[in-house]
Amino acid sequence: MIDPVLAEAESKMAKSVEAMQRELTAIRTGRANPALIDRILVPYYGTPTPLNQIAQISAPEARMLLVNVYDRSQMAAIEKALRAPELGLNPASDGNVIRVPIPPLTEERRRDYVKMVRQKAEEARVSIRNIRRDEVQRVDRMQKEGGVPEDEAKRAVERLQKITDQHVGRVEHVAGAKEAEVMEV
């Protein structure tokens, strides 16, 4: 009766870690990575559409992204979206493809990105702790309703804490690796 609760909690926590990993791919490092720009929203015939749905993005070089647009009439809109100030990119179009050079990061910008990584990691940790809290409350309710003996509920909470610690450790590992990647010159 407790095992499905723990399995569900573990699944939710794993999804929190995966979501954080996806968000971290959008944080810029010194190298070109298509994930940096693939979720940028471009107004496509009046509808905000992710760039990866209207163009193919590749990284032919370490500091260059190539955007091959499917609908050439949208090149100007895509270029404008890529020029957003928070990205710090300066795309150039030759009529067929858009080249996006990735400038080297300054030390100050690297520190800003590390702060962003830490913020995303903290959000993931909070999410995992919230899942733990909800599942502990669920186990307590099950015990009060008489469906689970007290000692089994206590063991379940201990197992839940171990699962939580394991996933928080994964968050720390992923965030530490991304911080090192961002600070790498």
Protein backbone atom coordinates (compact mmCIF):
# COMPACT_ATOMS: atom_id res chain seq x y z
CA MET A 1 0.00 0.00 0.00
CA ILE A 2 2.94 2.34 0.68
CA ASP A 3 5.10 1.25 -2.26
CA PRO A 4 2.91 2.96 -4.91
CA VAL A 5 3.10 6.21 -2.90
CA LEU A 6 6.89 6.03 -2.79
CA ALA A 7 7.13 5.11 -6.47
CA GLU A 8 4.93 8.06 -7.40
CA ALA A 9 7.01 10.41 -5.23
CA GLU A 10 10.22 9.16 -6.83
CA SER A 11 8.76 9.63 -10.31
CA LYS A 12 7.69 13.20 -9.54
CA MET A 13 11.11 14.04 -8.07
CA ALA A 14 12.87 12.60 -11.12
CA LYS A 15 10.69 14.80 -13.33
CA SER A 16 11.73 17.85 -11.28
CA VAL A 17 15.39 17.02 -11.87
CA GLU A 18 14.77 16.48 -15.61
CA ALA A 19 12.92 19.80 -15.87
CA MET A 20 15.86 21.56 -14.22
CA GLN A 21 18.26 19.90 -16.66
CA ARG A 22 16.17 21.12 -19.61
CA GLU A 23 16.15 24.65 -18.22
CA LEU A 24 19.91 24.57 -17.70
CA THR A 25 20.54 23.73 -21.36
CA ALA A 26 19.21 27.18 -22.24
CA ILE A 27 21.85 28.87 -20.06
CA ARG A 28 24.71 29.95 -22.22
CA THR A 29 28.23 28.66 -21.87
CA GLY A 30 31.26 29.52 -23.95
CA ARG A 31 30.33 26.96 -26.61
CA ALA A 32 27.57 27.05 -29.19
CA ASN A 33 24.65 24.77 -28.33
CA PRO A 34 21.39 24.66 -30.33
CA ALA A 35 19.46 24.43 -27.04
CA LEU A 36 20.45 28.05 -26.37
CA ILE A 37 17.96 29.34 -28.90
CA ASP A 38 15.62 26.47 -29.76
CA ARG A 39 12.85 27.64 -27.40
CA ILE A 40 12.92 31.31 -28.39
CA LEU A 41 9.40 32.34 -29.37
CA VAL A 42 9.06 33.83 -32.84
CA PRO A 43 5.83 35.46 -34.07
CA TYR A 44 4.91 33.04 -36.87
CA TYR A 45 1.82 34.33 -38.70
CA GLY A 46 0.65 35.97 -35.50
CA THR A 47 1.26 32.96 -33.24
CA PRO A 48 4.28 32.78 -30.90
CA THR A 49 6.09 29.62 -32.04
CA PRO A 50 9.30 28.06 -30.69
CA LEU A 51 12.19 28.55 -33.09
CA ASN A 52 12.94 24.81 -33.26
CA GLN A 53 9.52 24.24 -34.88
CA ILE A 54 10.09 26.66 -37.77
CA ALA A 55 13.82 26.20 -38.36
CA GLN A 56 16.62 23.69 -38.08
CA ILE A 57 19.35 24.75 -35.66
CA SER A 58 22.86 23.33 -35.82
CA ALA A 59 26.29 24.10 -34.38
CA PRO A 60 28.87 23.62 -37.15
CA GLU A 61 31.61 25.32 -35.10
CA ALA A 62 32.34 25.82 -31.41
CA ARG A 63 31.25 29.48 -31.51
CA MET A 64 28.65 29.52 -34.30
CA LEU A 65 25.03 28.47 -34.61
CA LEU A 66 23.39 28.01 -37.99
CA VAL A 67 19.63 28.55 -38.31
CA ASN A 68 18.16 27.03 -41.48
CA VAL A 69 14.67 28.50 -41.80
CA TYR A 70 11.94 26.38 -43.39
CA ASP A 71 9.83 29.37 -44.49
CA ARG A 72 12.18 32.02 -45.95
CA SER A 73 9.49 34.73 -45.56
CA GLN A 74 9.98 34.50 -41.77
CA MET A 75 13.73 35.21 -41.74
CA ALA A 76 13.31 38.84 -40.65
CA ALA A 77 11.03 37.88 -37.74
CA ILE A 78 13.46 35.18 -36.62
CA GLU A 79 16.41 37.56 -36.83
CA LYS A 80 14.51 40.11 -34.75
CA ALA A 81 13.67 37.50 -32.08
CA LEU A 82 17.34 36.44 -31.94
CA ARG A 83 18.42 40.04 -31.34
CA ALA A 84 16.60 40.15 -27.98
CA PRO A 85 18.77 42.04 -25.49
CA GLU A 86 18.80 39.29 -22.84
CA LEU A 87 20.45 36.91 -25.32
CA GLY A 88 23.29 39.22 -26.32
CA LEU A 89 23.44 37.73 -29.82
CA ASN A 90 24.00 39.44 -33.16
CA PRO A 91 22.62 37.21 -35.95
CA ALA A 92 23.46 37.78 -39.62
CA SER A 93 21.45 36.54 -42.58
CA ASP A 94 22.76 35.79 -46.06
CA GLY A 95 19.31 35.09 -47.51
CA ASN A 96 19.51 31.32 -47.12
CA VAL A 97 20.57 30.78 -43.51
CA ILE A 98 21.00 32.86 -40.39
CA ARG A 99 24.43 32.68 -38.78
CA VAL A 100 24.53 33.37 -35.05
CA PRO A 101 28.06 33.93 -33.73
CA ILE A 102 28.37 33.16 -30.02
CA PRO A 103 30.58 35.83 -28.46
CA PRO A 104 32.91 34.86 -25.62
CA LEU A 105 31.49 35.46 -22.17
CA THR A 106 32.85 38.17 -19.91
CA GLU A 107 33.67 37.31 -16.29
CA GLU A 108 30.70 39.37 -15.07
CA ARG A 109 28.32 37.60 -17.45
CA ARG A 110 29.67 34.22 -16.31
CA ARG A 111 28.90 35.14 -12.69
CA ASP A 112 25.38 36.15 -13.72
CA TYR A 113 24.88 32.79 -15.40
CA VAL A 114 26.20 30.97 -12.32
CA LYS A 115 23.60 32.85 -10.25
CA MET A 116 20.93 31.70 -12.71
CA VAL A 117 22.14 28.09 -12.40
CA ARG A 118 21.99 28.32 -8.61
CA GLN A 119 18.50 29.81 -8.79
CA LYS A 120 17.26 26.98 -11.05
CA ALA A 121 18.85 24.43 -8.70
CA GLU A 122 17.13 26.00 -5.70
CA GLU A 123 13.79 25.92 -7.53
CA ALA A 124 14.31 22.20 -8.22
CA ARG A 125 15.23 21.53 -4.57
CA VAL A 126 12.11 23.37 -3.39
CA SER A 127 10.00 21.38 -5.82
CA ILE A 128 11.46 18.11 -4.54
CA ARG A 129 10.88 19.15 -0.92
CA ASN A 130 7.28 20.08 -1.73
CA ILE A 131 6.73 16.64 -3.26
CA ARG A 132 8.18 15.07 -0.11
CA ARG A 133 5.92 17.17 2.13
CA ASP A 134 2.81 16.25 0.11
CA GLU A 135 3.64 12.55 0.19
CA VAL A 136 4.39 12.61 3.94
CA GLN A 137 0.98 14.20 4.49
CA ARG A 138 -0.55 11.50 2.30
CA VAL A 139 1.11 8.75 4.37
CA ASP A 140 -0.09 10.44 7.59
CA ARG A 141 -3.65 10.54 6.25
CA MET A 142 -3.43 6.87 5.33
CA GLN A 143 -2.24 6.06 8.84
CA LYS A 144 -4.98 8.11 10.51
CA GLU A 145 -7.63 6.44 8.37
CA GLY A 146 -6.35 3.11 9.64
CA GLY A 147 -5.01 1.80 6.34
CA VAL A 148 -1.36 1.74 7.42
CA PRO A 149 0.16 0.76 10.79
CA GLU A 150 2.22 3.42 12.57
CA ASP A 151 5.57 1.63 12.28
CA GLU A 152 5.06 1.07 8.54
CA ALA A 153 4.18 4.75 8.10
CA LYS A 154 7.35 5.72 9.97
CA ARG A 155 9.47 3.45 7.74
CA ALA A 156 7.77 4.93 4.66
CA VAL A 157 8.65 8.48 5.78
CA GLU A 158 12.27 7.39 6.33
CA ARG A 159 12.41 5.82 2.85
CA LEU A 160 10.83 8.96 1.42
CA GLN A 161 13.56 11.05 3.05
CA LYS A 162 16.24 8.83 1.49
CA ILE A 163 14.61 9.23 -1.94
CA THR A 164 14.46 13.00 -1.39
CA ASP A 165 18.13 13.15 -0.38
CA GLN A 166 19.06 11.11 -3.46
CA HIS A 167 17.26 13.50 -5.83
CA VAL A 168 18.59 16.62 -4.10
CA GLY A 169 22.05 15.08 -4.57
CA ARG A 170 21.34 14.70 -8.29
CA VAL A 171 20.30 18.37 -8.44
CA GLU A 172 23.57 19.36 -6.72
CA HIS A 173 25.61 17.23 -9.14
CA VAL A 174 23.90 18.62 -12.26
CA ALA A 175 24.09 22.23 -11.02
CA GLY A 176 27.76 21.84 -10.06
CA ALA A 177 28.60 20.45 -13.50
CA LYS A 178 26.77 23.33 -15.22
CA GLU A 179 28.49 25.91 -13.00
CA ALA A 180 31.88 24.44 -13.93
CA GLU A 181 30.90 24.49 -17.60
CA VAL A 182 29.82 28.14 -17.41
CA MET A 183 32.99 29.24 -15.58
CA GLU A 184 35.27 27.34 -17.99
CA VAL A 185 37.23 29.80 -20.12
